[in-house]
């Protein structure tokens, strides 16, 4: 994998901490959602949990409430 491809992957996938900060929730909330199989889809590599920024964007759009 080239340097440019690695950079693109790093930008596309966010850690639990980055995702929580972006959504304004705690990492514990994301952990609880994973435990109960609710919330965002995620990738797991060993102990590392990553969230796809495209999935996060779609999740936010589908959960946006307009009055």
N, C-alpha and C. Protein backbone atom coordinates (compact mmCIF):
# COMPACT_ATOMS: atom_id res chain seq x y z
N UNK A 1 0.86 -1.17 0.00
CA UNK A 1 0.00 0.00 0.00
C UNK A 1 0.90 1.23 0.00
N UNK A 2 0.62 2.15 -0.92
CA UNK A 2 1.41 3.36 -1.02
C UNK A 2 1.06 4.37 0.06
N UNK A 3 1.89 5.37 0.18
CA UNK A 3 1.70 6.41 1.20
C UNK A 3 0.37 7.14 1.00
N UNK A 4 0.03 7.44 -0.25
CA UNK A 4 -1.22 8.16 -0.55
C UNK A 4 -2.43 7.30 -0.19
N UNK A 5 -2.41 6.01 -0.50
CA UNK A 5 -3.51 5.12 -0.17
C UNK A 5 -3.68 5.01 1.33
N UNK A 6 -2.57 4.91 2.07
CA UNK A 6 -2.62 4.81 3.53
C UNK A 6 -3.24 6.07 4.12
N UNK A 7 -2.88 7.23 3.58
CA UNK A 7 -3.43 8.51 4.05
C UNK A 7 -4.94 8.58 3.81
N UNK A 8 -5.38 8.09 2.65
CA UNK A 8 -6.81 8.10 2.32
C UNK A 8 -7.57 7.20 3.30
N UNK A 9 -7.01 6.05 3.62
CA UNK A 9 -7.66 5.13 4.55
C UNK A 9 -7.74 5.75 5.94
N UNK A 10 -6.66 6.41 6.38
CA UNK A 10 -6.67 7.05 7.69
C UNK A 10 -7.74 8.13 7.77
N UNK A 11 -7.97 8.85 6.69
CA UNK A 11 -8.98 9.90 6.69
C UNK A 11 -10.38 9.32 6.64
N UNK A 12 -10.55 8.19 5.99
CA UNK A 12 -11.88 7.60 5.84
C UNK A 12 -12.35 6.89 7.11
N UNK A 13 -11.43 6.28 7.84
CA UNK A 13 -11.80 5.51 9.02
C UNK A 13 -11.39 6.24 10.29
N UNK A 14 -12.33 6.35 11.23
CA UNK A 14 -12.09 7.07 12.47
C UNK A 14 -12.05 6.12 13.65
N UNK A 15 -11.26 6.46 14.65
CA UNK A 15 -11.21 5.67 15.86
C UNK A 15 -12.48 5.93 16.68
N UNK A 16 -12.65 5.14 17.70
CA UNK A 16 -13.79 5.31 18.60
C UNK A 16 -13.78 6.72 19.22
N UNK A 17 -12.61 7.15 19.65
CA UNK A 17 -12.47 8.47 20.28
C UNK A 17 -12.80 9.59 19.29
N UNK A 18 -12.30 9.48 18.06
CA UNK A 18 -12.58 10.49 17.04
C UNK A 18 -14.07 10.53 16.70
N UNK A 19 -14.67 9.36 16.59
CA UNK A 19 -16.10 9.27 16.25
C UNK A 19 -16.95 9.87 17.36
N UNK A 20 -16.63 9.54 18.60
CA UNK A 20 -17.37 10.09 19.73
C UNK A 20 -17.28 11.61 19.76
N UNK A 21 -16.10 12.13 19.55
CA UNK A 21 -15.91 13.59 19.54
C UNK A 21 -16.71 14.23 18.41
N UNK A 22 -16.67 13.64 17.24
CA UNK A 22 -17.40 14.16 16.08
C UNK A 22 -18.90 14.21 16.34
N UNK A 23 -19.43 13.17 16.99
CA UNK A 23 -20.87 13.08 17.24
C UNK A 23 -21.30 13.75 18.55
N UNK A 24 -20.33 14.17 19.35
CA UNK A 24 -20.66 14.81 20.62
C UNK A 24 -21.21 13.84 21.66
N UNK A 25 -20.71 12.61 21.62
CA UNK A 25 -21.12 11.60 22.59
C UNK A 25 -19.87 11.01 23.23
N UNK A 26 -20.05 10.20 24.24
CA UNK A 26 -18.90 9.59 24.90
C UNK A 26 -18.50 8.29 24.20
N UNK A 27 -17.22 7.93 24.31
CA UNK A 27 -16.81 6.62 23.80
C UNK A 27 -17.59 5.48 24.45
N UNK A 28 -17.98 5.65 25.72
CA UNK A 28 -18.76 4.62 26.41
C UNK A 28 -20.10 4.38 25.71
N UNK A 29 -20.70 5.45 25.17
CA UNK A 29 -21.97 5.31 24.44
C UNK A 29 -21.76 4.43 23.20
N UNK A 30 -20.67 4.64 22.49
CA UNK A 30 -20.36 3.81 21.33
C UNK A 30 -20.13 2.35 21.75
N UNK A 31 -19.43 2.16 22.88
CA UNK A 31 -19.19 0.81 23.38
C UNK A 31 -20.50 0.12 23.74
N UNK A 32 -21.39 0.86 24.38
CA UNK A 32 -22.69 0.30 24.77
C UNK A 32 -23.50 -0.06 23.53
N UNK A 33 -23.47 0.81 22.51
CA UNK A 33 -24.18 0.52 21.26
C UNK A 33 -23.64 -0.75 20.61
N UNK A 34 -22.32 -0.93 20.62
CA UNK A 34 -21.74 -2.15 20.03
C UNK A 34 -22.20 -3.38 20.82
N UNK A 35 -22.20 -3.28 22.13
CA UNK A 35 -22.61 -4.39 22.98
C UNK A 35 -24.05 -4.80 22.69
N UNK A 36 -24.92 -3.82 22.49
CA UNK A 36 -26.34 -4.08 22.25
C UNK A 36 -26.69 -4.19 20.76
N UNK A 37 -25.64 -4.10 19.91
CA UNK A 37 -25.81 -4.21 18.46
C UNK A 37 -26.78 -3.15 17.92
N UNK A 38 -26.61 -1.93 18.39
CA UNK A 38 -27.38 -0.79 17.91
C UNK A 38 -26.41 0.29 17.45
N UNK A 39 -26.93 1.32 16.84
CA UNK A 39 -26.06 2.44 16.45
C UNK A 39 -25.31 2.18 15.16
N UNK A 40 -24.10 2.70 15.12
CA UNK A 40 -23.28 2.68 13.91
C UNK A 40 -22.65 1.32 13.62
N UNK A 41 -22.56 1.01 12.34
CA UNK A 41 -21.78 -0.16 11.93
C UNK A 41 -20.30 0.17 12.14
N UNK A 42 -19.50 -0.83 12.42
CA UNK A 42 -18.08 -0.60 12.69
C UNK A 42 -17.24 -1.75 12.16
N UNK A 43 -15.96 -1.50 12.08
CA UNK A 43 -14.99 -2.51 11.68
C UNK A 43 -14.16 -2.87 12.90
N UNK A 44 -13.78 -4.12 12.99
CA UNK A 44 -12.95 -4.52 14.13
C UNK A 44 -11.76 -5.31 13.60
N UNK A 45 -10.58 -4.83 13.98
CA UNK A 45 -9.33 -5.49 13.64
C UNK A 45 -8.63 -5.82 14.94
N UNK A 46 -8.75 -7.06 15.38
CA UNK A 46 -8.22 -7.43 16.69
C UNK A 46 -8.99 -6.66 17.75
N UNK A 47 -8.29 -5.85 18.52
CA UNK A 47 -8.95 -5.03 19.54
C UNK A 47 -9.31 -3.64 19.02
N UNK A 48 -8.83 -3.30 17.84
CA UNK A 48 -9.03 -1.97 17.29
C UNK A 48 -10.40 -1.86 16.63
N UNK A 49 -11.15 -0.83 17.00
CA UNK A 49 -12.47 -0.57 16.45
C UNK A 49 -12.40 0.71 15.61
N UNK A 50 -12.88 0.63 14.38
CA UNK A 50 -12.88 1.79 13.49
C UNK A 50 -14.28 2.01 12.94
N UNK A 51 -14.58 3.28 12.67
CA UNK A 51 -15.86 3.66 12.09
C UNK A 51 -15.60 4.32 10.74
N UNK A 52 -16.38 3.93 9.75
CA UNK A 52 -16.26 4.47 8.40
C UNK A 52 -16.94 5.84 8.36
N UNK A 53 -16.22 6.87 7.93
CA UNK A 53 -16.77 8.22 7.90
C UNK A 53 -18.01 8.31 7.00
N UNK A 54 -18.06 7.49 5.96
CA UNK A 54 -19.23 7.49 5.07
C UNK A 54 -20.45 6.94 5.81
N UNK A 55 -20.26 5.92 6.62
CA UNK A 55 -21.35 5.34 7.41
C UNK A 55 -21.82 6.35 8.46
N UNK A 56 -20.89 7.06 9.06
CA UNK A 56 -21.25 8.08 10.05
C UNK A 56 -22.10 9.16 9.40
N UNK A 57 -21.68 9.61 8.24
CA UNK A 57 -22.42 10.66 7.52
C UNK A 57 -23.84 10.19 7.18
N UNK A 58 -23.98 8.98 6.69
CA UNK A 58 -25.30 8.43 6.37
C UNK A 58 -26.16 8.31 7.62
N UNK A 59 -25.56 7.86 8.72
CA UNK A 59 -26.27 7.71 9.98
C UNK A 59 -26.81 9.05 10.46
N UNK A 60 -25.98 10.08 10.40
CA UNK A 60 -26.40 11.42 10.81
C UNK A 60 -27.55 11.92 9.93
N UNK A 61 -27.44 11.72 8.63
CA UNK A 61 -28.49 12.16 7.72
C UNK A 61 -29.81 11.45 7.98
N UNK A 62 -29.77 10.16 8.24
CA UNK A 62 -31.02 9.41 8.45
C UNK A 62 -31.61 9.64 9.83
N UNK A 63 -30.81 10.17 10.76
CA UNK A 63 -31.30 10.42 12.11
C UNK A 63 -31.52 11.92 12.40
N UNK A 64 -31.47 12.72 11.35
CA UNK A 64 -31.69 14.16 11.51
C UNK A 64 -33.20 14.41 11.55
N UNK A 65 -33.63 15.13 12.56
CA UNK A 65 -35.05 15.45 12.72
C UNK A 65 -35.25 16.92 12.36
N UNK A 66 -36.16 17.18 11.45
CA UNK A 66 -36.48 18.55 11.11
C UNK A 66 -37.87 18.88 11.61
N UNK A 67 -38.03 20.09 12.07
CA UNK A 67 -39.33 20.46 12.64
C UNK A 67 -40.11 21.34 11.69
